[in-house]
Amino acid sequence: IFRRGEYFYLVSAVGGTAGPATSHMVIVARSRSIHGPWED
């Protein structure tokens, strides 16, 4: 999580870190509060 401007940005991973070559990925959500709600 980092803050830029008025938003906190939550960067995370889904899909698993191994397995198929196409498994892992980077997703992002943001919120004006660390407590959410988070927008994808």
Full PDB file with SEQRES, HELIX, SHEET, SSBOND, CRYST1, ORIGX, SCALE, CONECT and MASTER records, all heavy atoms in Angstrom:
SEQRES   1 A   40  ILE PHE ARG ARG GLY GLU TYR PHE TYR LEU VAL SER ALA          
SEQRES   2 A   40  VAL GLY GLY THR ALA GLY PRO ALA THR SER HIS MET VAL          
SEQRES   3 A   40  ILE VAL ALA ARG SER ARG SER ILE HIS GLY PRO TRP GLU          
SEQRES   4 A   40  ASP                                                          
SHEET    1 AA1 2 TYR A   7  VAL A  14  0                                        
SHEET    2 AA1 2 MET A  25  SER A  31 -1                                        
CRYST1    1.000    1.000    1.000  90.00  90.00  90.00 P 1           1          
ORIGX1      1.000000  0.000000  0.000000        0.00000                         
ORIGX2      0.000000  1.000000  0.000000        0.00000                         
ORIGX3      0.000000  0.000000  1.000000        0.00000                         
SCALE1      1.000000  0.000000  0.000000        0.00000                         
SCALE2      0.000000  1.000000  0.000000        0.00000                         
SCALE3      0.000000  0.000000  1.000000        0.00000                         
ATOM      1  N   ILE A   1       0.842  -1.196   0.000  1.00  0.00           N  
ATOM      2  CA  ILE A   1       0.000   0.000   0.000  1.00  0.00           C  
ATOM      3  C   ILE A   1       0.874   1.242   0.000  1.00  0.00           C  
ATOM      4  O   ILE A   1       1.879   1.314   0.714  1.00  0.00           O  
ATOM      5  CB  ILE A   1      -0.940   0.001   1.229  1.00  0.00           C  
ATOM      6  CG1 ILE A   1      -1.846  -1.245   1.204  1.00  0.00           C  
ATOM      7  CG2 ILE A   1      -1.790   1.264   1.263  1.00  0.00           C  
ATOM      8  CD1 ILE A   1      -2.692  -1.407   2.438  1.00  0.00           C  
ATOM      9  N   PHE A   2       0.516   2.218  -0.816  1.00  0.00           N  
ATOM     10  CA  PHE A   2       1.198   3.503  -0.820  1.00  0.00           C  
ATOM     11  C   PHE A   2       0.150   4.591  -1.049  1.00  0.00           C  
ATOM     12  O   PHE A   2      -0.979   4.331  -1.472  1.00  0.00           O  
ATOM     13  CB  PHE A   2       2.275   3.553  -1.910  1.00  0.00           C  
ATOM     14  CG  PHE A   2       1.732   3.515  -3.314  1.00  0.00           C  
ATOM     15  CD1 PHE A   2       1.556   4.689  -4.039  1.00  0.00           C  
ATOM     16  CD2 PHE A   2       1.385   2.307  -3.906  1.00  0.00           C  
ATOM     17  CE1 PHE A   2       1.035   4.648  -5.329  1.00  0.00           C  
ATOM     18  CE2 PHE A   2       0.878   2.264  -5.200  1.00  0.00           C  
ATOM     19  CZ  PHE A   2       0.698   3.445  -5.912  1.00  0.00           C  
ATOM     20  N   ARG A   3       0.551   5.815  -0.757  1.00  0.00           N  
ATOM     21  CA  ARG A   3      -0.380   6.937  -0.898  1.00  0.00           C  
ATOM     22  C   ARG A   3       0.094   7.853  -2.011  1.00  0.00           C  
ATOM     23  O   ARG A   3       1.283   8.185  -2.096  1.00  0.00           O  
ATOM     24  CB  ARG A   3      -0.483   7.710   0.415  1.00  0.00           C  
ATOM     25  CG  ARG A   3      -1.690   8.637   0.480  1.00  0.00           C  
ATOM     26  CD  ARG A   3      -1.904   9.161   1.887  1.00  0.00           C  
ATOM     27  NE  ARG A   3      -3.189   9.840   2.025  1.00  0.00           N  
ATOM     28  CZ  ARG A   3      -3.685  10.297   3.169  1.00  0.00           C  
ATOM     29  NH1 ARG A   3      -2.977  10.132   4.296  1.00  0.00           N  
ATOM     30  NH2 ARG A   3      -4.861  10.902   3.206  1.00  0.00           N  
ATOM     31  N   ARG A   4      -0.819   8.232  -2.887  1.00  0.00           N  
ATOM     32  CA  ARG A   4      -0.539   9.195  -3.960  1.00  0.00           C  
ATOM     33  C   ARG A   4      -1.753  10.099  -4.103  1.00  0.00           C  
ATOM     34  O   ARG A   4      -2.860   9.618  -4.381  1.00  0.00           O  
ATOM     35  CB  ARG A   4      -0.247   8.479  -5.271  1.00  0.00           C  
ATOM     36  CG  ARG A   4       0.086   9.419  -6.437  1.00  0.00           C  
ATOM     37  CD  ARG A   4       0.408   8.621  -7.695  1.00  0.00           C  
ATOM     38  NE  ARG A   4       0.811   9.481  -8.799  1.00  0.00           N  
ATOM     39  CZ  ARG A   4      -0.031   9.955  -9.731  1.00  0.00           C  
ATOM     40  NH1 ARG A   4      -1.338   9.653  -9.681  1.00  0.00           N  
ATOM     41  NH2 ARG A   4       0.429  10.737 -10.698  1.00  0.00           N  
ATOM     42  N   GLY A   5      -1.535  11.390  -3.898  1.00  0.00           N  
ATOM     43  CA  GLY A   5      -2.653  12.312  -3.956  1.00  0.00           C  
ATOM     44  C   GLY A   5      -3.664  12.025  -2.873  1.00  0.00           C  
ATOM     45  O   GLY A   5      -3.309  11.799  -1.708  1.00  0.00           O  
ATOM     46  N   GLU A   6      -4.922  11.944  -3.234  1.00  0.00           N  
ATOM     47  CA  GLU A   6      -5.984  11.738  -2.247  1.00  0.00           C  
ATOM     48  C   GLU A   6      -6.273  10.269  -1.975  1.00  0.00           C  
ATOM     49  O   GLU A   6      -7.101   9.952  -1.127  1.00  0.00           O  
ATOM     50  CB  GLU A   6      -7.273  12.410  -2.740  1.00  0.00           C  
ATOM     51  CG  GLU A   6      -7.804  11.853  -4.057  1.00  0.00           C  
ATOM     52  CD  GLU A   6      -9.062  12.582  -4.517  1.00  0.00           C  
ATOM     53  OE1 GLU A   6      -9.995  12.728  -3.704  1.00  0.00           O  
ATOM     54  OE2 GLU A   6      -9.087  13.017  -5.684  1.00  0.00           O  
ATOM     55  N   TYR A   7      -5.562   9.377  -2.651  1.00  0.00           N  
ATOM     56  CA  TYR A   7      -5.884   7.956  -2.540  1.00  0.00           C  
ATOM     57  C   TYR A   7      -4.763   7.147  -1.898  1.00  0.00           C  
ATOM     58  O   TYR A   7      -3.582   7.422  -2.087  1.00  0.00           O  
ATOM     59  CB  TYR A   7      -6.148   7.363  -3.930  1.00  0.00           C  
ATOM     60  CG  TYR A   7      -7.454   7.781  -4.553  1.00  0.00           C  
ATOM     61  CD1 TYR A   7      -7.468   8.708  -5.606  1.00  0.00           C  
ATOM     62  CD2 TYR A   7      -8.660   7.246  -4.127  1.00  0.00           C  
ATOM     63  CE1 TYR A   7      -8.656   9.086  -6.208  1.00  0.00           C  
ATOM     64  CE2 TYR A   7      -9.863   7.616  -4.714  1.00  0.00           C  
ATOM     65  CZ  TYR A   7      -9.849   8.542  -5.755  1.00  0.00           C  
ATOM     66  OH  TYR A   7     -11.032   8.917  -6.342  1.00  0.00           O  
ATOM     67  N   PHE A   8      -5.185   6.121  -1.175  1.00  0.00           N  
ATOM     68  CA  PHE A   8      -4.326   4.992  -0.871  1.00  0.00           C  
ATOM     69  C   PHE A   8      -4.508   3.971  -1.993  1.00  0.00           C  
ATOM     70  O   PHE A   8      -5.645   3.668  -2.379  1.00  0.00           O  
ATOM     71  CB  PHE A   8      -4.719   4.334   0.459  1.00  0.00           C  
ATOM     72  CG  PHE A   8      -4.406   5.154   1.670  1.00  0.00           C  
ATOM     73  CD1 PHE A   8      -5.371   5.993   2.221  1.00  0.00           C  
ATOM     74  CD2 PHE A   8      -3.162   5.087   2.270  1.00  0.00           C  
ATOM     75  CE1 PHE A   8      -5.096   6.749   3.350  1.00  0.00           C  
ATOM     76  CE2 PHE A   8      -2.863   5.838   3.396  1.00  0.00           C  
ATOM     77  CZ  PHE A   8      -3.843   6.669   3.934  1.00  0.00           C  
ATOM     78  N   TYR A   9      -3.405   3.450  -2.508  1.00  0.00           N  
ATOM     79  CA  TYR A   9      -3.462   2.417  -3.536  1.00  0.00           C  
ATOM     80  C   TYR A   9      -3.013   1.094  -2.920  1.00  0.00           C  
ATOM     81  O   TYR A   9      -1.961   1.026  -2.283  1.00  0.00           O  
ATOM     82  CB  TYR A   9      -2.568   2.780  -4.718  1.00  0.00           C  
ATOM     83  CG  TYR A   9      -3.122   3.906  -5.560  1.00  0.00           C  
ATOM     84  CD1 TYR A   9      -2.900   5.234  -5.196  1.00  0.00           C  
ATOM     85  CD2 TYR A   9      -3.886   3.649  -6.695  1.00  0.00           C  
ATOM     86  CE1 TYR A   9      -3.412   6.282  -5.956  1.00  0.00           C  
ATOM     87  CE2 TYR A   9      -4.400   4.688  -7.460  1.00  0.00           C  
ATOM     88  CZ  TYR A   9      -4.163   6.004  -7.081  1.00  0.00           C  
ATOM     89  OH  TYR A   9      -4.683   7.026  -7.838  1.00  0.00           O  
ATOM     90  N   LEU A  10      -3.823   0.077  -3.101  1.00  0.00           N  
ATOM     91  CA  LEU A  10      -3.547  -1.266  -2.599  1.00  0.00           C  
ATOM     92  C   LEU A  10      -3.176  -2.152  -3.783  1.00  0.00           C  
ATOM     93  O   LEU A  10      -4.011  -2.456  -4.639  1.00  0.00           O  
ATOM     94  CB  LEU A  10      -4.772  -1.828  -1.875  1.00  0.00           C  
ATOM     95  CG  LEU A  10      -4.786  -3.306  -1.504  1.00  0.00           C  
ATOM     96  CD1 LEU A  10      -3.598  -3.690  -0.633  1.00  0.00           C  
ATOM     97  CD2 LEU A  10      -6.097  -3.667  -0.807  1.00  0.00           C  
ATOM     98  N   VAL A  11      -1.915  -2.537  -3.841  1.00  0.00           N  
ATOM     99  CA  VAL A  11      -1.403  -3.412  -4.897  1.00  0.00           C  
ATOM    100  C   VAL A  11      -1.258  -4.804  -4.310  1.00  0.00           C  
ATOM    101  O   VAL A  11      -0.636  -4.972  -3.254  1.00  0.00           O  
ATOM    102  CB  VAL A  11      -0.041  -2.913  -5.420  1.00  0.00           C  
ATOM    103  CG1 VAL A  11       0.453  -3.766  -6.577  1.00  0.00           C  
ATOM    104  CG2 VAL A  11      -0.131  -1.447  -5.836  1.00  0.00           C  
ATOM    105  N   SER A  12      -1.816  -5.803  -4.957  1.00  0.00           N  
ATOM    106  CA  SER A  12      -1.726  -7.163  -4.429  1.00  0.00           C  
ATOM    107  C   SER A  12      -1.640  -8.168  -5.564  1.00  0.00           C  
ATOM    108  O   SER A  12      -1.644  -7.804  -6.742  1.00  0.00           O  
ATOM    109  CB  SER A  12      -2.912  -7.478  -3.506  1.00  0.00           C  
ATOM    110  OG  SER A  12      -4.149  -7.249  -4.155  1.00  0.00           O  
ATOM    111  N   ALA A  13      -1.529  -9.434  -5.192  1.00  0.00           N  
ATOM    112  CA  ALA A  13      -1.364 -10.504  -6.171  1.00  0.00           C  
ATOM    113  C   ALA A  13      -2.452 -11.546  -5.971  1.00  0.00           C  
ATOM    114  O   ALA A  13      -2.867 -11.826  -4.850  1.00  0.00           O  
ATOM    115  CB  ALA A  13       0.013 -11.153  -6.017  1.00  0.00           C  
ATOM    116  N   VAL A  14      -2.885 -12.119  -7.077  1.00  0.00           N  
ATOM    117  CA  VAL A  14      -3.761 -13.286  -7.055  1.00  0.00           C  
ATOM    118  C   VAL A  14      -3.276 -14.253  -8.133  1.00  0.00           C  
ATOM    119  O   VAL A  14      -2.470 -13.905  -8.984  1.00  0.00           O  
ATOM    120  CB  VAL A  14      -5.248 -12.915  -7.298  1.00  0.00           C  
ATOM    121  CG1 VAL A  14      -5.824 -12.145  -6.135  1.00  0.00           C  
ATOM    122  CG2 VAL A  14      -5.409 -12.126  -8.591  1.00  0.00           C  
ATOM    123  N   GLY A  15      -3.754 -15.474  -8.064  1.00  0.00           N  
ATOM    124  CA  GLY A  15      -3.440 -16.461  -9.087  1.00  0.00           C  
ATOM    125  C   GLY A  15      -2.392 -17.483  -8.679  1.00  0.00           C  
ATOM    126  O   GLY A  15      -2.171 -18.460  -9.391  1.00  0.00           O  
ATOM    127  N   GLY A  16      -1.713 -17.253  -7.546  1.00  0.00           N  
ATOM    128  CA  GLY A  16      -0.677 -18.192  -7.107  1.00  0.00           C  
ATOM    129  C   GLY A  16       0.666 -17.851  -7.703  1.00  0.00           C  
ATOM    130  O   GLY A  16       0.774 -17.428  -8.853  1.00  0.00           O  
ATOM    131  N   THR A  17       1.712 -18.052  -6.941  1.00  0.00           N  
ATOM    132  CA  THR A  17       3.050 -17.594  -7.338  1.00  0.00           C  
ATOM    133  C   THR A  17       3.795 -18.591  -8.209  1.00  0.00           C  
ATOM    134  O   THR A  17       4.868 -18.285  -8.722  1.00  0.00           O  
ATOM    135  CB  THR A  17       3.880 -17.265  -6.081  1.00  0.00           C  
ATOM    136  OG1 THR A  17       5.036 -16.545  -6.453  1.00  0.00           O  
ATOM    137  CG2 THR A  17       4.278 -18.524  -5.345  1.00  0.00           C  
ATOM    138  N   ALA A  18       3.268 -19.790  -8.408  1.00  0.00           N  
ATOM    139  CA  ALA A  18       3.945 -20.808  -9.217  1.00  0.00           C  
ATOM    140  C   ALA A  18       2.906 -21.511 -10.090  1.00  0.00           C  
ATOM    141  O   ALA A  18       1.933 -20.901 -10.517  1.00  0.00           O  
ATOM    142  CB  ALA A  18       4.695 -21.783  -8.318  1.00  0.00           C  
ATOM    143  N   GLY A  19       3.101 -22.815 -10.350  1.00  0.00           N  
ATOM    144  CA  GLY A  19       2.153 -23.530 -11.194  1.00  0.00           C  
ATOM    145  C   GLY A  19       2.294 -23.139 -12.648  1.00  0.00           C  
ATOM    146  O   GLY A  19       3.406 -22.998 -13.156  1.00  0.00           O  
ATOM    147  N   PRO A  20       1.185 -22.927 -13.372  1.00  0.00           N  
ATOM    148  CA  PRO A  20       1.258 -22.574 -14.796  1.00  0.00           C  
ATOM    149  C   PRO A  20       2.006 -21.264 -15.013  1.00  0.00           C  
ATOM    150  O   PRO A  20       2.061 -20.401 -14.136  1.00  0.00           O  
ATOM    151  CB  PRO A  20      -0.216 -22.428 -15.190  1.00  0.00           C  
ATOM    152  CG  PRO A  20      -0.985 -23.163 -14.145  1.00  0.00           C  
ATOM    153  CD  PRO A  20      -0.194 -23.050 -12.887  1.00  0.00           C  
ATOM    154  N   ALA A  21       2.568 -21.117 -16.200  1.00  0.00           N  
ATOM    155  CA  ALA A  21       3.276 -19.883 -16.538  1.00  0.00           C  
ATOM    156  C   ALA A  21       2.375 -18.661 -16.439  1.00  0.00           C  
ATOM    157  O   ALA A  21       2.846 -17.541 -16.216  1.00  0.00           O  
ATOM    158  CB  ALA A  21       3.851 -19.991 -17.953  1.00  0.00           C  
ATOM    159  N   THR A  22       1.061 -18.851 -16.576  1.00  0.00           N  
ATOM    160  CA  THR A  22       0.099 -17.755 -16.583  1.00  0.00           C  
ATOM    161  C   THR A  22      -0.568 -17.540 -15.226  1.00  0.00           C  
ATOM    162  O   THR A  22      -1.627 -16.925 -15.143  1.00  0.00           O  
ATOM    163  CB  THR A  22      -0.987 -18.036 -17.636  1.00  0.00           C  
ATOM    164  OG1 THR A  22      -1.552 -19.346 -17.389  1.00  0.00           O  
ATOM    165  CG2 THR A  22      -0.403 -18.030 -19.036  1.00  0.00           C  
ATOM    166  N   SER A  23       0.056 -18.003 -14.163  1.00  0.00           N  
ATOM    167  CA  SER A  23      -0.605 -18.004 -12.859  1.00  0.00           C  
ATOM    168  C   SER A  23      -0.674 -16.634 -12.199  1.00  0.00           C  
ATOM    169  O   SER A  23      -1.757 -16.074 -12.009  1.00  0.00           O  
ATOM    170  CB  SER A  23       0.108 -18.979 -11.926  1.00  0.00           C  
ATOM    171  OG  SER A  23       1.472 -18.622 -11.750  1.00  0.00           O  
ATOM    172  N   HIS A  24       0.458 -16.071 -11.826  1.00  0.00           N  
ATOM    173  CA  HIS A  24       0.543 -14.879 -10.987  1.00  0.00           C  
ATOM    174  C   HIS A  24       0.072 -13.648 -11.749  1.00  0.00           C  
ATOM    175  O   HIS A  24       0.111 -13.599 -12.978  1.00  0.00           O  
ATOM    176  CB  HIS A  24       2.008 -14.698 -10.599  1.00  0.00           C  
ATOM    177  CG  HIS A  24       2.231 -14.293  -9.175  1.00  0.00           C  
ATOM    178  ND1 HIS A  24       1.308 -14.441  -8.170  1.00  0.00           N  
ATOM    179  CD2 HIS A  24       3.334 -13.738  -8.584  1.00  0.00           C  
ATOM    180  CE1 HIS A  24       1.815 -14.013  -7.030  1.00  0.00           C  
ATOM    181  NE2 HIS A  24       3.048 -13.571  -7.255  1.00  0.00           N  
ATOM    182  N   MET A  25      -0.310 -12.592 -11.005  1.00  0.00           N  
ATOM    183  CA  MET A  25      -0.699 -11.331 -11.648  1.00  0.00           C  
ATOM    184  C   MET A  25      -0.712 -10.218 -10.616  1.00  0.00           C  
ATOM    185  O   MET A  25      -0.661 -10.464  -9.409  1.00  0.00           O  
ATOM    186  CB  MET A  25      -2.050 -11.454 -12.341  1.00  0.00           C  
ATOM    187  CG  MET A  25      -3.210 -11.757 -11.424  1.00  0.00           C  
ATOM    188  SD  MET A  25      -4.695 -12.305 -12.331  1.00  0.00           S  
ATOM    189  CE  MET A  25      -4.310 -14.044 -12.584  1.00  0.00           C  
ATOM    190  N   VAL A  26      -0.768  -8.979 -11.101  1.00  0.00           N  
ATOM    191  CA  VAL A  26      -0.791  -7.790 -10.249  1.00  0.00           C  
ATOM    192  C   VAL A  26      -2.138  -7.117 -10.403  1.00  0.00           C  
ATOM    193  O   VAL A  26      -2.560  -6.802 -11.528  1.00  0.00           O  
ATOM    194  CB  VAL A  26       0.334  -6.809 -10.628  1.00  0.00           C  
ATOM    195  CG1 VAL A  26       0.283  -5.561  -9.736  1.00  0.00           C  
ATOM    196  CG2 VAL A  26       1.693  -7.482 -10.541  1.00  0.00           C  
ATOM    197  N   ILE A  27      -2.809  -6.869  -9.274  1.00  0.00           N  
ATOM    198  CA  ILE A  27      -4.081  -6.149  -9.297  1.00  0.00           C  
ATOM    199  C   ILE A  27      -3.982  -4.934  -8.386  1.00  0.00           C  
ATOM    200  O   ILE A  27      -3.139  -4.870  -7.494  1.00  0.00           O  
ATOM    201  CB  ILE A  27      -5.269  -7.046  -8.889  1.00  0.00           C  
ATOM    202  CG1 ILE A  27      -5.138  -7.493  -7.426  1.00  0.00           C  
ATOM    203  CG2 ILE A  27      -5.374  -8.243  -9.816  1.00  0.00           C  
ATOM    204  CD1 ILE A  27      -6.380  -8.218  -6.905  1.00  0.00           C  
ATOM    205  N   VAL A  28      -4.861  -3.953  -8.621  1.00  0.00           N  
ATOM    206  CA  VAL A  28      -4.816  -2.684  -7.889  1.00  0.00           C  
ATOM    207  C   VAL A  28      -6.226  -2.289  -7.469  1.00  0.00           C  
ATOM    208  O   VAL A  28      -7.196  -2.500  -8.210  1.00  0.00           O  
ATOM    209  CB  VAL A  28      -4.200  -1.564  -8.755  1.00  0.00           C  
ATOM    210  CG1 VAL A  28      -4.175  -0.235  -7.994  1.00  0.00           C  
ATOM    211  CG2 VAL A  28      -2.798  -1.933  -9.209  1.00  0.00           C  
ATOM    212  N   ALA A  29      -6.327  -1.722  -6.268  1.00  0.00           N  
ATOM    213  CA  ALA A  29      -7.554  -1.084  -5.799  1.00  0.00           C  
ATOM    214  C   ALA A  29      -7.156   0.221  -5.115  1.00  0.00           C  
ATOM    215  O   ALA A  29      -5.981   0.435  -4.801  1.00  0.00           O  
ATOM    216  CB  ALA A  29      -8.312  -1.988  -4.839  1.00  0.00           C  
ATOM    217  N   ARG A  30      -8.121   1.101  -4.889  1.00  0.00           N  
ATOM    218  CA  ARG A  30      -7.800   2.362  -4.215  1.00  0.00           C  
ATOM    219  C   ARG A  30      -8.950   2.779  -3.300  1.00  0.00           C  
ATOM    220  O   ARG A  30     -10.103   2.361  -3.482  1.00  0.00           O  
ATOM    221  CB  ARG A  30      -7.494   3.463  -5.225  1.00  0.00           C  
ATOM    222  CG  ARG A  30      -8.680   3.955  -6.011  1.00  0.00           C  
ATOM    223  CD  ARG A  30      -8.264   4.998  -7.051  1.00  0.00           C  
ATOM    224  NE  ARG A  30      -9.436   5.516  -7.766  1.00  0.00           N  
ATOM    225  CZ  ARG A  30      -9.376   6.311  -8.827  1.00  0.00           C  
ATOM    226  NH1 ARG A  30      -8.190   6.680  -9.316  1.00  0.00           N  
ATOM    227  NH2 ARG A  30     -10.479   6.745  -9.414  1.00  0.00           N  
ATOM    228  N   SER A  31      -8.576   3.618  -2.331  1.00  0.00           N  
ATOM    229  CA  SER A  31      -9.557   4.112  -1.366  1.00  0.00           C  
ATOM    230  C   SER A  31      -9.047   5.430  -0.795  1.00  0.00           C  
ATOM    231  O   SER A  31      -7.835   5.651  -0.703  1.00  0.00           O  
ATOM    232  CB  SER A  31      -9.759   3.100  -0.235  1.00  0.00           C  
ATOM    233  OG  SER A  31     -10.557   3.644   0.799  1.00  0.00           O  
ATOM    234  N   ARG A  32      -9.970   6.279  -0.378  1.00  0.00           N  
ATOM    235  CA  ARG A  32      -9.563   7.512   0.289  1.00  0.00           C  
ATOM    236  C   ARG A  32      -9.220   7.280   1.755  1.00  0.00           C  
ATOM    237  O   ARG A  32      -8.638   8.143   2.405  1.00  0.00           O  
ATOM    238  CB  ARG A  32     -10.651   8.573   0.165  1.00  0.00           C  
ATOM    239  CG  ARG A  32     -10.786   9.128  -1.248  1.00  0.00           C  
ATOM    240  CD  ARG A  32     -11.853  10.208  -1.327  1.00  0.00           C  
ATOM    241  NE  ARG A  32     -11.839  10.880  -2.616  1.00  0.00           N  
ATOM    242  CZ  ARG A  32     -12.469  10.453  -3.701  1.00  0.00           C  
ATOM    243  NH1 ARG A  32     -13.167   9.313  -3.643  1.00  0.00           N  
ATOM    244  NH2 ARG A  32     -12.395  11.136  -4.826  1.00  0.00           N  
ATOM    245  N   SER A  33      -9.565   6.091   2.247  1.00  0.00           N  
ATOM    246  CA  SER A  33      -9.280   5.732   3.637  1.00  0.00           C  
ATOM    247  C   SER A  33      -8.618   4.368   3.680  1.00  0.00           C  
ATOM    248  O   SER A  33      -8.944   3.475   2.882  1.00  0.00           O  
ATOM    249  CB  SER A  33     -10.570   5.693   4.465  1.00  0.00           C  
ATOM    250  OG  SER A  33     -10.333   5.095   5.725  1.00  0.00           O  
ATOM    251  N   ILE A  34      -7.698   4.204   4.610  1.00  0.00           N  
ATOM    252  CA  ILE A  34      -7.062   2.908   4.784  1.00  0.00           C  
ATOM    253  C   ILE A  34      -8.076   1.850   5.206  1.00  0.00           C  
ATOM    254  O   ILE A  34      -7.839   0.645   5.066  1.00  0.00           O  
ATOM    255  CB  ILE A  34      -5.914   3.043   5.819  1.00  0.00           C  
ATOM    256  CG1 ILE A  34      -4.894   1.911   5.618  1.00  0.00           C  
ATOM    257  CG2 ILE A  34      -6.442   3.048   7.238  1.00  0.00           C  
ATOM    258  CD1 ILE A  34      -4.108   2.037   4.350  1.00  0.00           C  
ATOM    259  N   HIS A  35      -9.214   2.284   5.685  1.00  0.00           N  
ATOM    260  CA  HIS A  35     -10.263   1.368   6.144  1.00  0.00           C  
ATOM    261  C   HIS A  35     -11.282   1.049   5.049  1.00  0.00           C  
ATOM    262  O   HIS A  35     -12.260   0.344   5.297  1.00  0.00           O  
ATOM    263  CB  HIS A  35     -10.967   1.966   7.358  1.00  0.00           C  
ATOM    264  CG  HIS A  35     -10.035   2.336   8.473  1.00  0.00           C  
ATOM    265  ND1 HIS A  35      -9.378   1.393   9.235  1.00  0.00           N  
ATOM    266  CD2 HIS A  35      -9.621   3.552   8.922  1.00  0.00           C  
ATOM    267  CE1 HIS A  35      -8.606   2.002  10.120  1.00  0.00           C  
ATOM    268  NE2 HIS A  35      -8.734   3.311   9.955  1.00  0.00           N  
ATOM    269  N   GLY A  36     -11.040   1.564   3.823  1.00  0.00           N  
ATOM    270  CA  GLY A  36     -11.950   1.293   2.728  1.00  0.00           C  
ATOM    271  C   GLY A  36     -13.110   2.279   2.696  1.00  0.00           C  
ATOM    272  O   GLY A  36     -13.120   3.252   3.451  1.00  0.00           O  
ATOM    273  N   PRO A  37     -14.083   2.051   1.804  1.00  0.00           N  
ATOM    274  CA  PRO A  37     -14.175   0.930   0.859  1.00  0.00           C  
ATOM    275  C   PRO A  37     -13.169   1.064  -0.291  1.00  0.00           C  
ATOM    276  O   PRO A  37     -12.772   2.170  -0.652  1.00  0.00           O  
ATOM    277  CB  PRO A  37     -15.615   1.037   0.341  1.00  0.00           C  
ATOM    278  CG  PRO A  37     -15.923   2.508   0.451  1.00  0.00           C  
ATOM    279  CD  PRO A  37     -15.222   2.991   1.682  1.00  0.00           C  
ATOM    280  N   TRP A  38     -12.785  -0.091  -0.849  1.00  0.00           N  
ATOM    281  CA  TRP A  38     -11.789  -0.147  -1.908  1.00  0.00           C  
ATOM    282  C   TRP A  38     -12.468  -0.304  -3.265  1.00  0.00           C  
ATOM    283  O   TRP A  38     -13.377  -1.129  -3.423  1.00  0.00           O  
ATOM    284  CB  TRP A  38     -10.824  -1.299  -1.671  1.00  0.00           C  
ATOM    285  CG  TRP A  38     -10.004  -1.128  -0.431  1.00  0.00           C  
ATOM    286  CD1 TRP A  38     -10.292  -1.615   0.818  1.00  0.00           C  
ATOM    287  CD2 TRP A  38      -8.780  -0.403  -0.310  1.00  0.00           C  
ATOM    288  NE1 TRP A  38      -9.316  -1.241   1.719  1.00  0.00           N  
ATOM    289  CE2 TRP A  38      -8.374  -0.502   1.056  1.00  0.00           C  
ATOM    290  CE3 TRP A  38      -7.982   0.312  -1.197  1.00  0.00           C  
ATOM    291  CZ2 TRP A  38      -7.214   0.099   1.536  1.00  0.00           C  
ATOM    292  CZ3 TRP A  38      -6.825   0.905  -0.734  1.00  0.00           C  
ATOM    293  CH2 TRP A  38      -6.443   0.804   0.616  1.00  0.00           C  
ATOM    294  N   GLU A  39     -12.001   0.478  -4.220  1.00  0.00           N  
ATOM    295  CA  GLU A  39     -12.509   0.459  -5.589  1.00  0.00           C  
ATOM    296  C   GLU A  39     -11.496  -0.260  -6.477  1.00  0.00           C  
ATOM    297  O   GLU A  39     -10.314   0.083  -6.493  1.00  0.00           O  
ATOM    298  CB  GLU A  39     -12.700   1.903  -6.066  1.00  0.00           C  
ATOM    299  CG  GLU A  39     -13.005   2.078  -7.537  1.00  0.00           C  
ATOM    300  CD  GLU A  39     -12.861   3.531  -7.995  1.00  0.00           C  
ATOM    301  OE1 GLU A  39     -12.387   4.375  -7.204  1.00  0.00           O  
ATOM    302  OE2 GLU A  39     -13.207   3.801  -9.157  1.00  0.00           O  
ATOM    303  N   ASP A  40     -11.943  -1.269  -7.229  1.00  0.00           N  
ATOM    304  CA  ASP A  40     -11.042  -2.018  -8.100  1.00  0.00           C  
ATOM    305  C   ASP A  40     -10.665  -1.209  -9.340  1.00  0.00           C  
ATOM    306  O   ASP A  40     -11.488  -0.481  -9.913  1.00  0.00           O  
ATOM    307  CB  ASP A  40     -11.695  -3.320  -8.561  1.00  0.00           C  
ATOM    308  CG  ASP A  40     -11.754  -4.363  -7.462  1.00  0.00           C  
ATOM    309  OD1 ASP A  40     -10.815  -4.407  -6.639  1.00  0.00           O  
ATOM    310  OD2 ASP A  40     -12.733  -5.129  -7.422  1.00  0.00           O  
TER     311      ASP A  40                                                      
MASTER        0    0    0    0    2    0    0    6  310    1    0    4          
END                                                                             
